[in-house]
Protein backbone atom coordinates (compact mmCIF):
# COMPACT_ATOMS: atom_id res chain seq x y z
CA MET A 1 0.08 -0.03 0.06
CA ASP A 2 1.24 3.29 -0.99
CA PRO A 3 2.13 5.68 2.10
CA ILE A 4 -0.89 7.71 3.27
CA ALA A 5 -0.40 11.51 4.00
CA ILE A 6 -3.82 12.24 5.26
CA VAL A 7 -6.86 10.38 6.34
CA GLY A 8 -10.26 11.90 6.36
CA LEU A 9 -12.51 10.28 8.96
CA ASP A 10 -16.31 10.61 9.11
CA LEU A 11 -17.57 10.28 12.77
CA ALA A 12 -20.61 8.37 13.72
CA LYS A 13 -21.98 6.38 16.54
CA ARG A 14 -21.24 2.75 15.24
CA VAL A 15 -19.99 2.91 11.46
CA PHE A 16 -17.07 5.03 10.73
CA GLN A 17 -15.88 6.06 7.11
CA VAL A 18 -12.14 6.20 6.38
CA HIS A 19 -10.87 7.94 3.45
CA GLY A 20 -6.92 7.79 3.03
CA ALA A 21 -5.12 9.87 0.33
CA ARG A 22 -1.70 10.83 -0.72
CA GLY A 23 -0.10 14.24 -0.25
CA ASP A 24 -1.41 15.34 -3.80
CA GLY A 25 -5.12 14.28 -2.83
CA SER A 26 -5.12 10.95 -4.95
CA VAL A 27 -7.03 7.87 -3.19
CA VAL A 28 -5.28 5.17 -1.46
CA LEU A 29 -8.02 3.48 0.36
CA ARG A 30 -11.66 3.85 1.49
CA LYS A 31 -12.68 1.69 4.37
CA LYS A 32 -15.46 1.29 6.69
CA LEU A 33 -15.06 0.73 10.39
CA SER A 34 -16.89 -0.48 13.43
CA ARG A 35 -16.35 1.51 16.75
CA PRO A 36 -14.16 -0.90 18.20
CA GLN A 37 -11.86 -1.15 15.14
CA VAL A 38 -11.13 2.64 15.01
CA LEU A 39 -8.30 2.95 17.38
CA THR A 40 -6.89 -0.42 16.24
CA PHE A 41 -6.91 0.60 12.76
CA PHE A 42 -4.95 3.90 13.56
CA ALA A 43 -2.52 2.08 15.98
CA LYS A 44 -1.16 0.05 12.94
CA LEU A 45 -1.42 3.13 10.68
CA PRO A 46 1.96 4.81 10.02
CA ALA A 47 2.08 8.46 11.48
CA CYS A 48 -0.13 10.96 9.25
CA VAL A 49 -2.58 13.70 9.34
CA VAL A 50 -6.07 12.54 10.55
CA ALA A 51 -8.85 15.17 9.70
CA MET A 52 -12.29 15.13 11.17
CA GLU A 53 -15.38 17.62 11.44
CA ALA A 54 -15.36 19.46 14.75
CA CYS A 55 -18.59 17.89 15.81
CA ALA A 56 -20.01 15.76 18.69
CA SER A 57 -17.24 13.58 20.18
CA ALA A 58 -14.57 14.82 17.76
CA HIS A 59 -12.36 16.09 20.73
CA GLU A 60 -12.40 12.74 22.51
CA TRP A 61 -11.48 11.03 19.25
CA GLY A 62 -8.81 13.67 18.50
CA ARG A 63 -7.15 13.11 22.00
CA ALA A 64 -7.15 9.12 21.38
CA ILE A 65 -5.90 9.34 17.93
CA ARG A 66 -3.01 11.87 18.51
CA GLY A 67 -2.10 9.69 21.32
CA LEU A 68 -1.10 7.18 18.87
CA GLY A 69 1.06 9.53 17.23
CA HIS A 70 -0.94 11.10 14.59
CA GLU A 71 -1.48 14.78 13.66
CA VAL A 72 -5.19 15.60 14.23
CA ARG A 73 -6.89 18.36 12.61
CA LEU A 74 -10.50 19.31 13.33
CA ILE A 75 -12.54 21.37 10.81
CA PRO A 76 -15.76 23.26 11.19
CA PRO A 77 -18.46 21.43 9.44
CA VAL A 78 -19.47 24.62 7.30
CA TYR A 79 -15.96 24.67 5.91
CA VAL A 80 -16.17 21.08 4.67
CA LYS A 81 -19.59 21.63 2.98
CA PRO A 82 -18.21 23.18 -0.39
CA PHE A 83 -15.86 20.22 -0.77
CA LEU A 84 -18.96 17.76 -0.96
CA LYS A 85 -19.56 16.34 -4.41
CA ARG A 86 -23.18 15.90 -5.35
CA GLN A 87 -24.50 12.81 -3.27
CA LYS A 88 -24.45 12.93 0.45
CA ASN A 89 -23.10 9.62 2.04
CA ASP A 90 -20.45 8.68 4.62
CA ALA A 91 -17.75 8.07 1.74
CA ALA A 92 -18.51 11.25 0.13
CA ASP A 93 -18.23 12.89 3.69
CA ALA A 94 -14.82 11.45 4.48
CA GLU A 95 -13.44 12.45 1.09
CA ALA A 96 -14.74 15.99 1.53
CA ILE A 97 -13.02 16.28 5.07
CA ALA A 98 -9.70 14.83 3.54
CA GLU A 99 -9.79 17.42 0.68
CA ALA A 100 -10.61 20.43 3.09
CA ALA A 101 -7.92 19.52 5.37
CA LEU A 102 -5.41 19.61 2.65
CA ARG A 103 -6.14 23.49 1.74
CA PRO A 104 -3.27 25.64 2.86
CA THR A 105 -5.72 28.43 3.89
CA MET A 106 -8.02 25.97 5.88
CA ARG A 107 -9.04 27.09 9.61
CA PHE A 108 -8.82 24.45 12.16
CA VAL A 109 -10.07 23.88 15.71
CA ALA A 110 -7.78 23.08 18.41
CA VAL A 111 -8.46 19.77 20.13
CA LYS A 112 -9.70 20.47 23.70
CA SER A 113 -8.43 18.57 26.79
CA GLU A 114 -10.82 16.87 29.29
CA SER A 115 -10.56 19.69 31.72
CA GLN A 116 -11.48 22.25 28.80
CA GLN A 117 -14.53 20.17 28.04
CA ALA A 118 -15.58 19.65 31.53
CA ARG A 119 -15.75 23.18 32.47
CA PRO A 120 -18.06 24.31 29.94
CA MET A 121 -20.46 21.70 31.41
CA ILE A 122 -21.31 24.02 34.28
CA PHE A 123 -22.40 26.92 32.08
CA ARG A 124 -24.40 24.66 29.74
CA THR A 125 -26.10 23.09 32.85
CA ARG A 126 -26.82 26.43 34.22
CA ASP A 127 -28.46 27.71 30.75
CA LEU A 128 -30.54 24.60 30.63
CA LEU A 129 -32.06 25.12 33.98
CA VAL A 130 -32.62 28.89 33.39
CA ARG A 131 -34.64 27.88 30.37
CA GLN A 132 -36.44 25.21 32.29
CA ARG A 133 -37.49 27.99 34.99
CA THR A 134 -38.48 30.17 32.20
CA GLN A 135 -40.76 27.71 30.62
CA LEU A 136 -42.40 26.85 33.87
CA ILE A 137 -42.80 30.68 34.69
CA ASN A 138 -44.43 31.25 31.30
CA ALA A 139 -46.76 28.29 31.50
CA LEU A 140 -47.77 29.26 35.07
CA ARG A 141 -48.48 32.72 34.06
CA GLY A 142 -50.49 31.50 30.97
CA HIS A 143 -52.63 29.17 33.08
CA LEU A 144 -53.38 31.54 35.73
CA ALA A 145 -54.17 34.36 33.21
CA GLU A 146 -57.14 32.26 32.04
CA HIS A 147 -58.55 32.51 35.77
CA GLY A 148 -57.87 36.13 35.98
CA VAL A 149 -54.81 35.89 38.02
CA VAL A 150 -52.19 38.20 36.38
CA ALA A 151 -48.81 39.56 37.27
CA PRO A 152 -45.79 41.31 35.65
CA GLN A 153 -43.28 39.52 33.76
CA GLY A 154 -39.98 38.46 35.05
CA VAL A 155 -38.55 36.14 37.69
CA THR A 156 -38.69 38.51 40.60
CA ASN A 157 -42.68 38.57 40.25
CA VAL A 158 -43.20 34.88 40.48
CA GLN A 159 -43.90 35.46 44.25
CA GLN A 160 -46.74 37.79 43.45
CA LEU A 161 -48.52 35.04 41.55
CA ALA A 162 -48.21 32.91 44.48
CA ALA A 163 -49.69 35.42 46.85
CA ALA A 164 -52.47 36.08 44.29
CA VAL A 165 -53.29 32.49 44.27
CA ASP A 166 -53.59 32.36 48.02
CA GLU A 167 -55.74 35.39 48.24
CA VAL A 168 -58.19 34.17 45.54
CA ALA A 169 -57.85 30.42 46.51
CA THR A 170 -61.31 30.29 47.63
CA SER A 171 -62.93 31.41 44.18
CA LEU A 172 -60.41 29.38 42.14
CA ASP A 173 -60.89 25.41 41.37
CA PRO A 174 -58.85 23.38 43.75
CA LEU A 175 -57.20 21.68 41.05
CA VAL A 176 -55.85 25.16 39.73
CA VAL A 177 -54.66 25.75 43.34
CA ASP A 178 -52.88 22.51 43.53
CA LEU A 179 -51.26 22.58 40.21
CA SER A 180 -50.19 26.40 40.82
CA ARG A 181 -48.36 25.25 43.99
CA LEU A 182 -46.72 22.29 42.17
CA TYR A 183 -45.37 24.99 39.62
CA HIS A 184 -44.25 27.04 42.38
CA ASP A 185 -42.31 24.25 43.97
CA GLN A 186 -40.51 23.35 40.83
CA ILE A 187 -39.61 26.91 40.31
CA HIS A 188 -38.41 27.29 43.79
CA ASP A 189 -36.27 24.21 43.33
CA LEU A 190 -34.64 25.43 40.21
CA ASP A 191 -33.99 28.79 41.78
CA ALA A 192 -32.02 27.04 44.35
CA ARG A 193 -30.03 24.86 41.88
CA ILE A 194 -29.28 27.86 39.68
CA SER A 195 -28.05 29.75 42.83
CA ASP A 196 -25.68 27.06 43.68
CA LEU A 197 -24.19 26.70 40.31
CA GLU A 198 -23.70 30.73 40.26
CA LYS A 199 -22.01 30.50 43.47
CA ARG A 200 -19.73 27.75 42.19
CA ILE A 201 -18.98 29.98 38.88
CA LEU A 202 -18.12 32.93 41.26
CA LYS A 203 -15.90 30.80 43.39
CA GLU A 204 -14.12 29.56 40.28
CA ALA A 205 -13.81 33.16 38.86
CA ARG A 206 -12.11 34.57 42.02
CA ARG A 207 -9.44 31.87 41.78
CA THR A 208 -7.67 33.36 38.71
CA GLY A 209 -6.20 36.55 37.71
CA VAL A 210 -7.65 36.55 34.10
CA THR A 211 -11.41 36.52 35.36
CA ALA A 212 -10.60 39.04 38.09
CA ARG A 213 -9.17 41.42 35.34
CA LEU A 214 -12.10 41.06 33.02
CA MET A 215 -14.56 41.63 35.95
CA THR A 216 -13.19 45.09 36.03
CA MET A 217 -14.83 46.02 32.78
CA PRO A 218 -18.62 47.21 33.14
CA GLY A 219 -20.93 44.74 31.89
CA ILE A 220 -18.79 41.77 32.62
CA GLY A 221 -19.68 39.64 35.67
CA PRO A 222 -18.27 36.15 36.89
CA VAL A 223 -20.25 34.02 34.39
CA THR A 224 -19.20 35.99 31.33
CA ALA A 225 -15.54 36.13 32.56
CA MET A 226 -15.42 32.46 33.16
CA ALA A 227 -17.27 31.98 29.86
CA ILE A 228 -14.41 33.75 28.14
CA GLU A 229 -11.71 32.07 30.00
CA THR A 230 -13.38 28.69 29.23
CA PHE A 231 -14.49 28.84 25.68
CA ALA A 232 -12.32 31.24 24.07
CA PRO A 233 -8.78 30.05 22.86
CA PRO A 234 -5.61 31.77 24.02
CA MET A 235 -5.70 35.48 22.96
CA GLU A 236 -2.42 35.30 21.48
CA THR A 237 -4.27 33.21 18.52
CA PHE A 238 -5.78 36.56 17.34
CA LYS A 239 -3.67 39.24 15.89
CA ARG A 240 -5.94 42.05 16.91
CA GLY A 241 -9.23 42.70 18.94
CA ARG A 242 -11.37 42.72 15.81
CA ASP A 243 -10.33 39.19 15.03
CA PHE A 244 -11.59 38.13 18.34
CA ALA A 245 -14.80 39.98 17.84
CA ALA A 246 -15.16 38.41 14.46
CA TRP A 247 -14.39 34.90 16.01
CA LEU A 248 -17.56 35.50 18.32
CA GLY A 249 -19.72 36.85 15.45
CA LEU A 250 -20.10 40.36 16.62
CA VAL A 251 -18.93 41.91 13.19
CA PRO A 252 -21.25 42.65 10.18
CA ARG A 253 -21.36 40.25 7.49
CA GLN A 254 -19.92 41.62 4.14
CA PHE A 255 -21.80 41.71 0.72
CA SER A 256 -18.99 43.52 -1.16
CA SER A 257 -18.30 43.30 -4.79
CA GLY A 258 -16.76 45.44 -7.70
CA GLY A 259 -14.70 47.39 -4.95
CA LYS A 260 -17.87 48.49 -3.14
CA PRO A 261 -17.97 47.53 0.54
CA VAL A 262 -21.42 46.58 1.55
CA LEU A 263 -21.87 45.70 5.20
CA GLY A 264 -25.09 43.94 6.72
CA ARG A 265 -26.17 42.71 10.17
CA VAL A 266 -23.81 40.93 12.39
CA SER A 267 -22.70 37.50 11.27
CA LYS A 268 -23.80 35.50 14.18
CA MET A 269 -21.16 32.87 13.15
CA GLY A 270 -18.89 32.34 16.03
CA GLN A 271 -19.03 31.32 19.84
CA ARG A 272 -22.51 31.75 20.66
CA ASP A 273 -22.18 31.52 24.51
CA ILE A 274 -19.51 34.22 25.04
CA ARG A 275 -21.46 36.45 22.24
CA ARG A 276 -25.00 36.13 23.98
CA LEU A 277 -23.39 37.01 27.48
CA LEU A 278 -21.44 39.91 26.13
CA ILE A 279 -24.64 41.47 24.43
CA ILE A 280 -26.65 40.72 27.67
CA GLY A 281 -23.92 42.49 29.80
CA ALA A 282 -23.97 45.45 27.20
CA MET A 283 -27.73 45.80 27.35
CA THR A 284 -27.35 46.05 30.89
CA VAL A 285 -24.85 48.84 30.59
CA VAL A 286 -27.13 50.65 28.22
CA ARG A 287 -30.27 50.35 30.22
CA TRP A 288 -28.22 51.77 33.24
CA SER A 289 -26.91 54.65 31.00
CA THR A 290 -30.43 55.32 29.90
CA ARG A 291 -31.84 55.63 33.16
CA LYS A 292 -29.01 57.40 34.93
CA GLY A 293 -27.43 58.95 31.99
CA ALA A 294 -24.21 58.52 30.15
CA PRO A 295 -21.10 60.49 30.81
CA ALA A 296 -21.34 63.69 28.73
CA GLY A 297 -19.29 63.46 25.37
CA SER A 298 -18.90 59.59 25.83
CA TRP A 299 -19.17 57.35 22.80
CA LEU A 300 -22.21 55.59 24.41
CA ALA A 301 -23.80 58.95 25.06
CA ARG A 302 -23.35 59.76 21.35
CA MET A 303 -24.62 56.49 20.18
CA LEU A 304 -27.61 56.53 22.37
CA ALA A 305 -28.50 59.87 21.09
CA ARG A 306 -28.97 58.59 17.45
CA LYS A 307 -29.44 54.81 17.65
CA PRO A 308 -31.75 52.44 18.94
CA ARG A 309 -30.90 50.72 22.40
CA LEU A 310 -30.62 47.29 20.90
CA VAL A 311 -28.14 48.49 18.03
CA VAL A 312 -26.13 50.33 20.62
CA ALA A 313 -25.93 47.11 22.71
CA ILE A 314 -24.53 45.00 19.77
CA ALA A 315 -21.98 47.66 18.93
CA LEU A 316 -20.92 48.04 22.61
CA ALA A 317 -20.56 44.17 22.86
CA ASN A 318 -18.08 44.45 19.96
CA LYS A 319 -16.06 47.24 21.84
CA MET A 320 -16.33 44.92 24.87
CA ALA A 321 -14.95 41.86 22.94
CA ARG A 322 -12.04 44.14 21.67
CA ALA A 323 -11.40 45.67 24.95
CA ALA A 324 -11.20 42.06 26.59
CA TRP A 325 -8.61 41.12 24.08
CA ALA A 326 -6.61 44.06 24.72
CA MET A 327 -6.85 43.44 28.46
CA LEU A 328 -5.71 39.93 28.40
CA THR A 329 -2.93 40.45 25.83
CA LYS A 330 -1.45 43.41 27.58
CA ASN A 331 -2.13 42.20 31.14
CA GLU A 332 -4.00 45.27 32.27
CA ASP A 333 -7.15 45.97 34.05
CA PHE A 334 -9.95 48.06 32.32
CA LYS A 335 -9.31 51.58 31.53
CA VAL A 336 -12.35 54.04 31.54
CA PRO A 337 -12.41 55.88 28.31
CA VAL A 338 -11.97 59.63 28.52
CA PRO A 339 -15.07 61.47 27.20
CA THR A 340 -14.40 64.04 24.45
CA ALA A 341 -15.16 67.62 24.60
């Protein structure tokens, strides 16, 4: 068999497809492997480049295959799609992965360690519990509205619903009262679990100087600071702050042609967890500035005077991302901008 320079591996649950190619892209082998056969196959294969899509279980397989002496390259699935020829099947997917990995300008995803994969779980768990609590609150408000019991929106107003149910308990159907209390018990339980997770995140955030430095910026709290440290690669990966903002999906999409630059909405193609948290933090700063007033002559004051609040929040999130890059690369705390006259 001719020496294999690169292997495209299409991941699955049980049946894996392998596409081996030479350095010029010519095919050497195509092979199907069961799950137990994967590591045995790569253990016998001479050291080469193994490419996979950066999807579920890719980092686990990447660590295992890299431990066998191979070079692992993870490619975002969106960058593999253009190399797929006509029909969609496992063999075509593996071939497209190998071809994409051979491109000199291709962008790859770094293989994460076990600890790097473990820390994001606390954020995802908290988000899941927050969504479940929101669903319960919305369902409770909807059910009680049918019986004339209403309260303002928001987590802080749930107790008003509980008090209203107790006040009108004599006029409500007993089944409605019992089910409403069941909702309240579930919401209270989720509140306690979310609070415990936030305390753990705060405890972790206080341990490192990186998160403490990030929290000096208005709009960045423990959750956002820990998310940046956990999900983002080393800031030295990016040449400038704009590259980090683009990696988060906070820069406009381009529709330029013929030398005429045309910019659209933000791309939203990037790390969604950090992007969402930065926008939430920026919106908090915007709301506070709207109520209390932004410093005269500041960038925020000028933007709020002529742009909608949500647009200003997106732009502020972009500036926060760039400032975070500068703070971490220069090892400096946040510096309050000096308002212009």
